[in-house]
Amino acid sequence: MAEVKAELVGNLWKIVTEVGQEVEEDDTLMILESMKMEIPITSPITGTVTAILVKEGDVVQEGQTVAVVE
């Protein structure tokens, strides 16, 4: 199991995966917007997305867990 964490503070612009989806290591799970830049949040491991803990439009903090991949 791997907790996916935000690397910086930003607005969650778009979620591109869903719970139950199979993902490969480094696949983009969601996209943060910060200072007019789009920053992808990627999967640290190959596995299945078991939880998405945020919704589009949320402000996320640095180090906040935003998803879980098993």
PDB file of N, CA and C in Angstrom:
ATOM      1  N   MET A   1       0.843  -1.189   0.000  1.00  0.00           N
ATOM      2  CA  MET A   1       0.000   0.000   0.000  1.00  0.00           C
ATOM      3  C   MET A   1       0.881   1.243   0.000  1.00  0.00           C
ATOM      4  N   ALA A   2       0.467   2.242  -0.759  1.00  0.00           N
ATOM      5  CA  ALA A   2       1.209   3.501  -0.805  1.00  0.00           C
ATOM      6  C   ALA A   2       0.233   4.664  -0.690  1.00  0.00           C
ATOM      7  N   GLU A   3       0.531   5.567   0.226  1.00  0.00           N
ATOM      8  CA  GLU A   3      -0.235   6.806   0.321  1.00  0.00           C
ATOM      9  C   GLU A   3       0.359   7.787  -0.680  1.00  0.00           C
ATOM     10  N   VAL A   4      -0.491   8.400  -1.473  1.00  0.00           N
ATOM     11  CA  VAL A   4      -0.046   9.391  -2.453  1.00  0.00           C
ATOM     12  C   VAL A   4      -0.207  10.759  -1.809  1.00  0.00           C
ATOM     13  N   LYS A   5       0.887  11.510  -1.747  1.00  0.00           N
ATOM     14  CA  LYS A   5       0.879  12.794  -1.048  1.00  0.00           C
ATOM     15  C   LYS A   5       1.123  13.948  -2.017  1.00  0.00           C
ATOM     16  N   ALA A   6       0.527  15.087  -1.707  1.00  0.00           N
ATOM     17  CA  ALA A   6       0.764  16.299  -2.482  1.00  0.00           C
ATOM     18  C   ALA A   6       2.157  16.829  -2.162  1.00  0.00           C
ATOM     19  N   GLU A   7       2.866  17.257  -3.189  1.00  0.00           N
ATOM     20  CA  GLU A   7       4.225  17.769  -2.989  1.00  0.00           C
ATOM     21  C   GLU A   7       4.249  19.247  -2.635  1.00  0.00           C
ATOM     22  N   LEU A   8       3.120  19.930  -2.865  1.00  0.00           N
ATOM     23  CA  LEU A   8       3.069  21.358  -2.561  1.00  0.00           C
ATOM     24  C   LEU A   8       1.626  21.792  -2.348  1.00  0.00           C
ATOM     25  N   VAL A   9       1.461  23.022  -1.876  1.00  0.00           N
ATOM     26  CA  VAL A   9       0.129  23.591  -1.669  1.00  0.00           C
ATOM     27  C   VAL A   9      -0.429  24.002  -3.027  1.00  0.00           C
ATOM     28  N   GLY A  10      -1.698  23.683  -3.270  1.00  0.00           N
ATOM     29  CA  GLY A  10      -2.321  24.092  -4.528  1.00  0.00           C
ATOM     30  C   GLY A  10      -3.780  23.717  -4.557  1.00  0.00           C
ATOM     31  N   ASN A  11      -4.437  24.106  -5.627  1.00  0.00           N
ATOM     32  CA  ASN A  11      -5.837  23.745  -5.852  1.00  0.00           C
ATOM     33  C   ASN A  11      -5.879  22.461  -6.665  1.00  0.00           C
ATOM     34  N   LEU A  12      -6.716  21.534  -6.248  1.00  0.00           N
ATOM     35  CA  LEU A  12      -6.869  20.303  -7.019  1.00  0.00           C
ATOM     36  C   LEU A  12      -7.710  20.631  -8.240  1.00  0.00           C
ATOM     37  N   TRP A  13      -7.059  20.660  -9.394  1.00  0.00           N
ATOM     38  CA  TRP A  13      -7.704  21.095 -10.619  1.00  0.00           C
ATOM     39  C   TRP A  13      -8.497  19.969 -11.277  1.00  0.00           C
ATOM     40  N   LYS A  14      -7.895  18.778 -11.360  1.00  0.00           N
ATOM     41  CA  LYS A  14      -8.567  17.700 -12.081  1.00  0.00           C
ATOM     42  C   LYS A  14      -8.135  16.346 -11.535  1.00  0.00           C
ATOM     43  N   ILE A  15      -9.092  15.436 -11.375  1.00  0.00           N
ATOM     44  CA  ILE A  15      -8.818  14.050 -11.015  1.00  0.00           C
ATOM     45  C   ILE A  15      -8.960  13.226 -12.292  1.00  0.00           C
ATOM     46  N   VAL A  16      -7.924  12.480 -12.654  1.00  0.00           N
ATOM     47  CA  VAL A  16      -7.942  11.749 -13.925  1.00  0.00           C
ATOM     48  C   VAL A  16      -8.046  10.231 -13.737  1.00  0.00           C
ATOM     49  N   THR A  17      -8.195   9.775 -12.490  1.00  0.00           N
ATOM     50  CA  THR A  17      -8.388   8.355 -12.214  1.00  0.00           C
ATOM     51  C   THR A  17      -9.634   8.193 -11.354  1.00  0.00           C
ATOM     52  N   GLU A  18      -9.993   6.947 -11.083  1.00  0.00           N
ATOM     53  CA  GLU A  18     -11.126   6.689 -10.200  1.00  0.00           C
ATOM     54  C   GLU A  18     -10.808   5.476  -9.335  1.00  0.00           C
ATOM     55  N   VAL A  19     -11.533   5.341  -8.246  1.00  0.00           N
ATOM     56  CA  VAL A  19     -11.347   4.204  -7.343  1.00  0.00           C
ATOM     57  C   VAL A  19     -11.602   2.917  -8.129  1.00  0.00           C
ATOM     58  N   GLY A  20     -10.703   1.951  -7.955  1.00  0.00           N
ATOM     59  CA  GLY A  20     -10.815   0.673  -8.649  1.00  0.00           C
ATOM     60  C   GLY A  20      -9.995   0.598  -9.923  1.00  0.00           C
ATOM     61  N   GLN A  21      -9.471   1.735 -10.355  1.00  0.00           N
ATOM     62  CA  GLN A  21      -8.685   1.766 -11.598  1.00  0.00           C
ATOM     63  C   GLN A  21      -7.282   1.222 -11.369  1.00  0.00           C
ATOM     64  N   GLU A  22      -6.814   0.404 -12.318  1.00  0.00           N
ATOM     65  CA  GLU A  22      -5.441  -0.094 -12.289  1.00  0.00           C
ATOM     66  C   GLU A  22      -4.522   1.009 -12.823  1.00  0.00           C
ATOM     67  N   VAL A  23      -3.405   1.246 -12.129  1.00  0.00           N
ATOM     68  CA  VAL A  23      -2.444   2.261 -12.560  1.00  0.00           C
ATOM     69  C   VAL A  23      -1.034   1.682 -12.529  1.00  0.00           C
ATOM     70  N   GLU A  24      -0.187   2.242 -13.371  1.00  0.00           N
ATOM     71  CA  GLU A  24       1.234   1.889 -13.389  1.00  0.00           C
ATOM     72  C   GLU A  24       1.996   2.925 -12.572  1.00  0.00           C
ATOM     73  N   GLU A  25       3.192   2.549 -12.137  1.00  0.00           N
ATOM     74  CA  GLU A  25       4.060   3.507 -11.454  1.00  0.00           C
ATOM     75  C   GLU A  25       4.266   4.716 -12.352  1.00  0.00           C
ATOM     76  N   ASP A  26       4.174   5.904 -11.800  1.00  0.00           N
ATOM     77  CA  ASP A  26       4.347   7.194 -12.474  1.00  0.00           C
ATOM     78  C   ASP A  26       3.159   7.616 -13.339  1.00  0.00           C
ATOM     79  N   ASP A  27       2.046   6.856 -13.343  1.00  0.00           N
ATOM     80  CA  ASP A  27       0.836   7.325 -14.021  1.00  0.00           C
ATOM     81  C   ASP A  27       0.287   8.532 -13.263  1.00  0.00           C
ATOM     82  N   THR A  28      -0.249   9.494 -13.986  1.00  0.00           N
ATOM     83  CA  THR A  28      -0.861  10.670 -13.363  1.00  0.00           C
ATOM     84  C   THR A  28      -2.211  10.295 -12.761  1.00  0.00           C
ATOM     85  N   LEU A  29      -2.394  10.628 -11.491  1.00  0.00           N
ATOM     86  CA  LEU A  29      -3.655  10.379 -10.795  1.00  0.00           C
ATOM     87  C   LEU A  29      -4.538  11.619 -10.768  1.00  0.00           C
ATOM     88  N   MET A  30      -3.905  12.764 -10.576  1.00  0.00           N
ATOM     89  CA  MET A  30      -4.632  14.027 -10.490  1.00  0.00           C
ATOM     90  C   MET A  30      -3.673  15.162 -10.793  1.00  0.00           C
ATOM     91  N   ILE A  31      -4.238  16.352 -11.003  1.00  0.00           N
ATOM     92  CA  ILE A  31      -3.417  17.502 -11.378  1.00  0.00           C
ATOM     93  C   ILE A  31      -3.706  18.654 -10.420  1.00  0.00           C
ATOM     94  N   LEU A  32      -2.635  19.197  -9.834  1.00  0.00           N
ATOM     95  CA  LEU A  32      -2.724  20.380  -8.978  1.00  0.00           C
ATOM     96  C   LEU A  32      -2.453  21.618  -9.812  1.00  0.00           C
ATOM     97  N   GLU A  33      -3.060  22.726  -9.424  1.00  0.00           N
ATOM     98  CA  GLU A  33      -2.758  24.011 -10.031  1.00  0.00           C
ATOM     99  C   GLU A  33      -2.182  24.891  -8.933  1.00  0.00           C
ATOM    100  N   SER A  34      -0.993  25.414  -9.196  1.00  0.00           N
ATOM    101  CA  SER A  34      -0.349  26.293  -8.225  1.00  0.00           C
ATOM    102  C   SER A  34       0.439  27.352  -8.985  1.00  0.00           C
ATOM    103  N   MET A  35       0.197  28.599  -8.673  1.00  0.00           N
ATOM    104  CA  MET A  35       0.884  29.720  -9.320  1.00  0.00           C
ATOM    105  C   MET A  35       0.798  29.613 -10.845  1.00  0.00           C
ATOM    106  N   LYS A  36      -0.408  29.289 -11.346  1.00  0.00           N
ATOM    107  CA  LYS A  36      -0.708  29.180 -12.775  1.00  0.00           C
ATOM    108  C   LYS A  36       0.055  28.049 -13.475  1.00  0.00           C
ATOM    109  N   MET A  37       0.610  27.121 -12.702  1.00  0.00           N
ATOM    110  CA  MET A  37       1.284  25.947 -13.266  1.00  0.00           C
ATOM    111  C   MET A  37       0.470  24.710 -12.936  1.00  0.00           C
ATOM    112  N   GLU A  38       0.468  23.735 -13.843  1.00  0.00           N
ATOM    113  CA  GLU A  38      -0.198  22.463 -13.598  1.00  0.00           C
ATOM    114  C   GLU A  38       0.855  21.445 -13.182  1.00  0.00           C
ATOM    115  N   ILE A  39       0.657  20.837 -12.022  1.00  0.00           N
ATOM    116  CA  ILE A  39       1.621  19.889 -11.464  1.00  0.00           C
ATOM    117  C   ILE A  39       0.934  18.534 -11.320  1.00  0.00           C
ATOM    118  N   PRO A  40       1.416  17.505 -12.044  1.00  0.00           N
ATOM    119  CA  PRO A  40       0.793  16.186 -11.914  1.00  0.00           C
ATOM    120  C   PRO A  40       1.161  15.516 -10.597  1.00  0.00           C
ATOM    121  N   ILE A  41       0.197  14.830  -9.997  1.00  0.00           N
ATOM    122  CA  ILE A  41       0.450  13.959  -8.853  1.00  0.00           C
ATOM    123  C   ILE A  41       0.413  12.537  -9.417  1.00  0.00           C
ATOM    124  N   THR A  42       1.512  11.808  -9.253  1.00  0.00           N
ATOM    125  CA  THR A  42       1.638  10.499  -9.891  1.00  0.00           C
ATOM    126  C   THR A  42       1.638   9.372  -8.868  1.00  0.00           C
ATOM    127  N   SER A  43       1.365   8.170  -9.360  1.00  0.00           N
ATOM    128  CA  SER A  43       1.354   6.984  -8.501  1.00  0.00           C
ATOM    129  C   SER A  43       2.784   6.550  -8.193  1.00  0.00           C
ATOM    130  N   PRO A  44       3.087   6.293  -6.928  1.00  0.00           N
ATOM    131  CA  PRO A  44       4.443   5.837  -6.576  1.00  0.00           C
ATOM    132  C   PRO A  44       4.671   4.355  -6.889  1.00  0.00           C
ATOM    133  N   ILE A  45       3.584   3.599  -7.108  1.00  0.00           N
ATOM    134  CA  ILE A  45       3.696   2.160  -7.352  1.00  0.00           C
ATOM    135  C   ILE A  45       2.685   1.731  -8.418  1.00  0.00           C
ATOM    136  N   THR A  46       2.882   0.524  -8.948  1.00  0.00           N
ATOM    137  CA  THR A  46       1.883  -0.102  -9.808  1.00  0.00           C
ATOM    138  C   THR A  46       0.861  -0.769  -8.905  1.00  0.00           C
ATOM    139  N   GLY A  47      -0.420  -0.573  -9.190  1.00  0.00           N
ATOM    140  CA  GLY A  47      -1.452  -1.180  -8.364  1.00  0.00           C
ATOM    141  C   GLY A  47      -2.829  -0.665  -8.710  1.00  0.00           C
ATOM    142  N   THR A  48      -3.725  -0.720  -7.727  1.00  0.00           N
ATOM    143  CA  THR A  48      -5.114  -0.302  -7.895  1.00  0.00           C
ATOM    144  C   THR A  48      -5.399   0.880  -6.975  1.00  0.00           C
ATOM    145  N   VAL A  49      -6.053   1.900  -7.515  1.00  0.00           N
ATOM    146  CA  VAL A  49      -6.468   3.042  -6.700  1.00  0.00           C
ATOM    147  C   VAL A  49      -7.586   2.563  -5.775  1.00  0.00           C
ATOM    148  N   THR A  50      -7.357   2.612  -4.455  1.00  0.00           N
ATOM    149  CA  THR A  50      -8.356   2.135  -3.502  1.00  0.00           C
ATOM    150  C   THR A  50      -9.091   3.271  -2.796  1.00  0.00           C
ATOM    151  N   ALA A  51      -8.533   4.494  -2.863  1.00  0.00           N
ATOM    152  CA  ALA A  51      -9.207   5.637  -2.241  1.00  0.00           C
ATOM    153  C   ALA A  51      -8.724   6.928  -2.877  1.00  0.00           C
ATOM    154  N   ILE A  52      -9.655   7.843  -3.084  1.00  0.00           N
ATOM    155  CA  ILE A  52      -9.336   9.216  -3.458  1.00  0.00           C
ATOM    156  C   ILE A  52      -9.912  10.080  -2.349  1.00  0.00           C
ATOM    157  N   LEU A  53      -9.046  10.805  -1.660  1.00  0.00           N
ATOM    158  CA  LEU A  53      -9.422  11.479  -0.418  1.00  0.00           C
ATOM    159  C   LEU A  53      -9.731  12.960  -0.588  1.00  0.00           C
ATOM    160  N   VAL A  54      -9.717  13.451  -1.821  1.00  0.00           N
ATOM    161  CA  VAL A  54      -9.999  14.862  -2.106  1.00  0.00           C
ATOM    162  C   VAL A  54     -10.964  14.939  -3.283  1.00  0.00           C
ATOM    163  N   LYS A  55     -11.492  16.135  -3.524  1.00  0.00           N
ATOM    164  CA  LYS A  55     -12.354  16.328  -4.692  1.00  0.00           C
ATOM    165  C   LYS A  55     -11.857  17.541  -5.473  1.00  0.00           C
ATOM    166  N   GLU A  56     -12.259  17.600  -6.730  1.00  0.00           N
ATOM    167  CA  GLU A  56     -11.840  18.718  -7.575  1.00  0.00           C
ATOM    168  C   GLU A  56     -12.265  20.033  -6.928  1.00  0.00           C
ATOM    169  N   GLY A  57     -11.343  20.994  -6.936  1.00  0.00           N
ATOM    170  CA  GLY A  57     -11.608  22.295  -6.331  1.00  0.00           C
ATOM    171  C   GLY A  57     -11.069  22.439  -4.924  1.00  0.00           C
ATOM    172  N   ASP A  58     -10.712  21.327  -4.282  1.00  0.00           N
ATOM    173  CA  ASP A  58     -10.154  21.393  -2.929  1.00  0.00           C
ATOM    174  C   ASP A  58      -8.786  22.069  -2.940  1.00  0.00           C
ATOM    175  N   VAL A  59      -8.462  22.744  -1.852  1.00  0.00           N
ATOM    176  CA  VAL A  59      -7.109  23.246  -1.632  1.00  0.00           C
ATOM    177  C   VAL A  59      -6.386  22.169  -0.830  1.00  0.00           C
ATOM    178  N   VAL A  60      -5.270  21.694  -1.359  1.00  0.00           N
ATOM    179  CA  VAL A  60      -4.501  20.660  -0.653  1.00  0.00           C
ATOM    180  C   VAL A  60      -3.222  21.258  -0.104  1.00  0.00           C
ATOM    181  N   GLN A  61      -2.762  20.696   0.994  1.00  0.00           N
ATOM    182  CA  GLN A  61      -1.562  21.171   1.656  1.00  0.00           C
ATOM    183  C   GLN A  61      -0.385  20.269   1.326  1.00  0.00           C
ATOM    184  N   GLU A  62       0.810  20.816   1.422  1.00  0.00           N
ATOM    185  CA  GLU A  62       2.026  20.038   1.193  1.00  0.00           C
ATOM    186  C   GLU A  62       2.054  18.856   2.173  1.00  0.00           C
ATOM    187  N   GLY A  63       2.261  17.652   1.649  1.00  0.00           N
ATOM    188  CA  GLY A  63       2.338  16.463   2.488  1.00  0.00           C
ATOM    189  C   GLY A  63       0.993  15.817   2.780  1.00  0.00           C
ATOM    190  N   GLN A  64      -0.102  16.421   2.335  1.00  0.00           N
ATOM    191  CA  GLN A  64      -1.438  15.867   2.567  1.00  0.00           C
ATOM    192  C   GLN A  64      -1.624  14.609   1.711  1.00  0.00           C
ATOM    193  N   THR A  65      -2.173  13.564   2.314  1.00  0.00           N
ATOM    194  CA  THR A  65      -2.490  12.346   1.572  1.00  0.00           C
ATOM    195  C   THR A  65      -3.734  12.607   0.729  1.00  0.00           C
ATOM    196  N   VAL A  66      -3.612  12.390  -0.597  1.00  0.00           N
ATOM    197  CA  VAL A  66      -4.725  12.676  -1.499  1.00  0.00           C
ATOM    198  C   VAL A  66      -5.334  11.417  -2.102  1.00  0.00           C
ATOM    199  N   ALA A  67      -4.586  10.305  -2.050  1.00  0.00           N
ATOM    200  CA  ALA A  67      -5.095   9.038  -2.606  1.00  0.00           C
ATOM    201  C   ALA A  67      -4.308   7.890  -2.005  1.00  0.00           C
ATOM    202  N   VAL A  68      -4.855   6.664  -2.182  1.00  0.00           N
ATOM    203  CA  VAL A  68      -4.177   5.450  -1.736  1.00  0.00           C
ATOM    204  C   VAL A  68      -4.152   4.471  -2.907  1.00  0.00           C
ATOM    205  N   VAL A  69      -2.968   3.883  -3.149  1.00  0.00           N
ATOM    206  CA  VAL A  69      -2.798   2.863  -4.194  1.00  0.00           C
ATOM    207  C   VAL A  69      -2.293   1.607  -3.529  1.00  0.00           C
ATOM    208  N   GLU A  70      -2.923   0.472  -3.825  1.00  0.00           N
ATOM    209  CA  GLU A  70      -2.487  -0.821  -3.253  1.00  0.00           C
ATOM    210  C   GLU A  70      -2.089  -1.759  -4.361  1.00  0.00           C
TER     211      GLU A  70
END
